[in-house]
Amino acid sequence: MQRVLGYDALSTGLVFLPFCLGSVVGMITATRTLVRAGQRAIIVVGGLTGALGIACGSDCLAAAGSVLVMI
């Protein structure tokens, strides 16, 4: 991001902050629902959510060229 979009180190770190917080929320939620839903359901939902996030991120960056649009 620093080379391609011209962000400095602080801006790049702040851009990744929502994704890190989303990972923490996802881990806490998965831990709490593991007993009820089972391992397979947690793995499938987590994989699909991750794939959707990557697809959305790459599509938004390619179309708009701005990370703020993606967030």
N, C-alpha and C. Protein backbone atom coordinates (compact mmCIF):
# COMPACT_ATOMS: atom_id res chain seq x y z
N MET A 1 0.81 -1.18 0.00
CA MET A 1 0.00 0.00 0.00
C MET A 1 0.86 1.26 0.00
N GLN A 2 1.99 1.17 0.65
CA GLN A 2 2.83 2.35 0.72
C GLN A 2 3.38 2.71 -0.66
N ARG A 3 3.81 1.72 -1.39
CA ARG A 3 4.37 2.00 -2.72
C ARG A 3 3.29 2.23 -3.76
N VAL A 4 2.24 1.43 -3.73
CA VAL A 4 1.22 1.51 -4.78
C VAL A 4 0.30 2.71 -4.59
N LEU A 5 -0.20 2.91 -3.39
CA LEU A 5 -1.15 4.00 -3.15
C LEU A 5 -0.51 5.25 -2.56
N GLY A 6 0.76 5.16 -2.20
CA GLY A 6 1.47 6.33 -1.68
C GLY A 6 1.18 6.68 -0.24
N TYR A 7 0.72 5.72 0.56
CA TYR A 7 0.44 5.98 1.96
C TYR A 7 1.73 5.93 2.76
N ASP A 8 1.76 6.68 3.86
CA ASP A 8 2.90 6.56 4.76
C ASP A 8 2.65 5.39 5.71
N ALA A 9 3.62 5.13 6.59
CA ALA A 9 3.54 3.95 7.46
C ALA A 9 2.36 4.04 8.42
N LEU A 10 2.11 5.20 8.98
CA LEU A 10 1.00 5.34 9.93
C LEU A 10 -0.34 5.14 9.25
N SER A 11 -0.53 5.71 8.08
CA SER A 11 -1.80 5.55 7.36
C SER A 11 -2.03 4.09 6.98
N THR A 12 -0.98 3.42 6.57
CA THR A 12 -1.12 2.01 6.21
C THR A 12 -1.52 1.18 7.43
N GLY A 13 -0.92 1.46 8.57
CA GLY A 13 -1.29 0.77 9.80
C GLY A 13 -2.73 1.04 10.20
N LEU A 14 -3.17 2.27 10.05
CA LEU A 14 -4.55 2.61 10.40
C LEU A 14 -5.56 1.97 9.44
N VAL A 15 -5.16 1.77 8.20
CA VAL A 15 -6.05 1.12 7.23
C VAL A 15 -6.28 -0.33 7.63
N PHE A 16 -5.24 -0.99 8.16
CA PHE A 16 -5.38 -2.39 8.54
C PHE A 16 -6.07 -2.58 9.89
N LEU A 17 -6.25 -1.53 10.64
CA LEU A 17 -6.86 -1.64 11.97
C LEU A 17 -8.28 -2.21 11.95
N PRO A 18 -9.19 -1.78 11.06
CA PRO A 18 -10.54 -2.38 11.06
C PRO A 18 -10.52 -3.88 10.75
N PHE A 19 -9.60 -4.31 9.91
CA PHE A 19 -9.53 -5.74 9.60
C PHE A 19 -9.03 -6.54 10.79
N CYS A 20 -8.09 -5.97 11.53
CA CYS A 20 -7.61 -6.64 12.74
C CYS A 20 -8.71 -6.73 13.79
N LEU A 21 -9.45 -5.65 13.96
CA LEU A 21 -10.56 -5.67 14.92
C LEU A 21 -11.63 -6.66 14.49
N GLY A 22 -11.89 -6.75 13.20
CA GLY A 22 -12.85 -7.74 12.70
C GLY A 22 -12.40 -9.16 12.98
N SER A 23 -11.10 -9.40 12.88
CA SER A 23 -10.57 -10.73 13.18
C SER A 23 -10.76 -11.07 14.65
N VAL A 24 -10.52 -10.11 15.52
CA VAL A 24 -10.70 -10.34 16.95
C VAL A 24 -12.16 -10.63 17.26
N VAL A 25 -13.07 -9.85 16.71
CA VAL A 25 -14.51 -10.09 16.93
C VAL A 25 -14.90 -11.46 16.38
N GLY A 26 -14.39 -11.82 15.22
CA GLY A 26 -14.69 -13.13 14.65
C GLY A 26 -14.18 -14.29 15.51
N MET A 27 -12.99 -14.13 16.06
CA MET A 27 -12.45 -15.19 16.92
C MET A 27 -13.25 -15.34 18.21
N ILE A 28 -13.65 -14.23 18.79
CA ILE A 28 -14.44 -14.30 20.01
C ILE A 28 -15.80 -14.92 19.72
N THR A 29 -16.44 -14.51 18.63
CA THR A 29 -17.73 -15.07 18.25
C THR A 29 -17.63 -16.55 17.95
N ALA A 30 -16.60 -16.95 17.23
CA ALA A 30 -16.42 -18.37 16.89
C ALA A 30 -16.20 -19.21 18.13
N THR A 31 -15.44 -18.69 19.07
CA THR A 31 -15.18 -19.44 20.30
C THR A 31 -16.47 -19.65 21.09
N ARG A 32 -17.31 -18.64 21.12
CA ARG A 32 -18.55 -18.75 21.89
C ARG A 32 -19.58 -19.65 21.21
N THR A 33 -19.59 -19.72 19.89
CA THR A 33 -20.60 -20.52 19.18
C THR A 33 -20.10 -21.90 18.77
N LEU A 34 -18.87 -22.22 19.10
CA LEU A 34 -18.29 -23.49 18.69
C LEU A 34 -19.06 -24.68 19.25
N VAL A 35 -19.47 -24.61 20.49
CA VAL A 35 -20.17 -25.73 21.12
C VAL A 35 -21.53 -25.96 20.47
N ARG A 36 -22.23 -24.89 20.14
CA ARG A 36 -23.56 -25.02 19.55
C ARG A 36 -23.53 -25.37 18.08
N ALA A 37 -22.64 -24.76 17.32
CA ALA A 37 -22.65 -24.93 15.87
C ALA A 37 -21.76 -26.07 15.39
N GLY A 38 -20.69 -26.34 16.09
CA GLY A 38 -19.77 -27.39 15.66
C GLY A 38 -18.61 -26.82 14.85
N GLN A 39 -17.56 -27.62 14.76
CA GLN A 39 -16.34 -27.17 14.09
C GLN A 39 -16.53 -26.92 12.61
N ARG A 40 -17.22 -27.82 11.94
CA ARG A 40 -17.38 -27.71 10.49
C ARG A 40 -18.10 -26.41 10.10
N ALA A 41 -19.15 -26.06 10.82
CA ALA A 41 -19.89 -24.84 10.51
C ALA A 41 -19.03 -23.60 10.74
N ILE A 42 -18.24 -23.60 11.79
CA ILE A 42 -17.36 -22.46 12.08
C ILE A 42 -16.33 -22.31 10.98
N ILE A 43 -15.74 -23.41 10.53
CA ILE A 43 -14.72 -23.36 9.48
C ILE A 43 -15.33 -22.88 8.16
N VAL A 44 -16.50 -23.38 7.81
CA VAL A 44 -17.14 -22.98 6.55
C VAL A 44 -17.51 -21.50 6.58
N VAL A 45 -18.14 -21.05 7.65
CA VAL A 45 -18.55 -19.64 7.74
C VAL A 45 -17.32 -18.73 7.76
N GLY A 46 -16.30 -19.11 8.49
CA GLY A 46 -15.08 -18.31 8.54
C GLY A 46 -14.39 -18.22 7.19
N GLY A 47 -14.32 -19.33 6.48
CA GLY A 47 -13.71 -19.33 5.15
C GLY A 47 -14.48 -18.48 4.16
N LEU A 48 -15.79 -18.61 4.19
CA LEU A 48 -16.62 -17.81 3.28
C LEU A 48 -16.55 -16.32 3.60
N THR A 49 -16.54 -15.99 4.87
CA THR A 49 -16.43 -14.60 5.27
C THR A 49 -15.08 -14.02 4.86
N GLY A 50 -14.02 -14.79 5.04
CA GLY A 50 -12.70 -14.33 4.63
C GLY A 50 -12.60 -14.14 3.13
N ALA A 51 -13.14 -15.08 2.37
CA ALA A 51 -13.12 -14.97 0.90
C ALA A 51 -13.92 -13.77 0.43
N LEU A 52 -15.06 -13.54 1.06
CA LEU A 52 -15.88 -12.37 0.71
C LEU A 52 -15.15 -11.07 1.01
N GLY A 53 -14.48 -11.01 2.14
CA GLY A 53 -13.71 -9.82 2.49
C GLY A 53 -12.57 -9.55 1.53
N ILE A 54 -11.86 -10.60 1.13
CA ILE A 54 -10.77 -10.43 0.17
C ILE A 54 -11.30 -9.99 -1.19
N ALA A 55 -12.40 -10.60 -1.63
CA ALA A 55 -12.98 -10.24 -2.92
C ALA A 55 -13.47 -8.80 -2.91
N CYS A 56 -14.12 -8.40 -1.84
CA CYS A 56 -14.61 -7.02 -1.74
C CYS A 56 -13.46 -6.04 -1.70
N GLY A 57 -12.43 -6.38 -0.95
CA GLY A 57 -11.28 -5.50 -0.85
C GLY A 57 -10.57 -5.31 -2.17
N SER A 58 -10.36 -6.39 -2.89
CA SER A 58 -9.66 -6.26 -4.16
C SER A 58 -10.52 -5.55 -5.20
N ASP A 59 -11.83 -5.79 -5.17
CA ASP A 59 -12.73 -5.13 -6.12
C ASP A 59 -12.82 -3.63 -5.84
N CYS A 60 -12.93 -3.26 -4.58
CA CYS A 60 -13.02 -1.84 -4.23
C CYS A 60 -11.73 -1.10 -4.55
N LEU A 61 -10.60 -1.74 -4.28
CA LEU A 61 -9.32 -1.08 -4.58
C LEU A 61 -9.10 -0.94 -6.07
N ALA A 62 -9.52 -1.94 -6.83
CA ALA A 62 -9.33 -1.87 -8.28
C ALA A 62 -10.25 -0.82 -8.90
N ALA A 63 -11.46 -0.70 -8.39
CA ALA A 63 -12.43 0.22 -8.98
C ALA A 63 -12.18 1.67 -8.58
N ALA A 64 -11.98 1.89 -7.28
CA ALA A 64 -11.89 3.26 -6.79
C ALA A 64 -10.46 3.71 -6.52
N GLY A 65 -9.58 2.76 -6.19
CA GLY A 65 -8.22 3.12 -5.86
C GLY A 65 -8.06 3.76 -4.51
N SER A 66 -9.10 3.70 -3.68
CA SER A 66 -9.04 4.30 -2.36
C SER A 66 -9.45 3.29 -1.30
N VAL A 67 -8.70 3.22 -0.25
CA VAL A 67 -9.01 2.29 0.82
C VAL A 67 -10.19 2.81 1.63
N LEU A 68 -10.36 4.10 1.72
CA LEU A 68 -11.48 4.67 2.47
C LEU A 68 -12.82 4.26 1.88
N VAL A 69 -12.90 4.07 0.58
CA VAL A 69 -14.14 3.59 -0.05
C VAL A 69 -14.44 2.19 0.42
N MET A 70 -13.40 1.37 0.57
CA MET A 70 -13.58 -0.02 0.97
C MET A 70 -14.06 -0.11 2.41
N ILE A 71 -13.55 0.76 3.28
CA ILE A 71 -13.92 0.71 4.71
C ILE A 71 -15.29 1.30 4.86
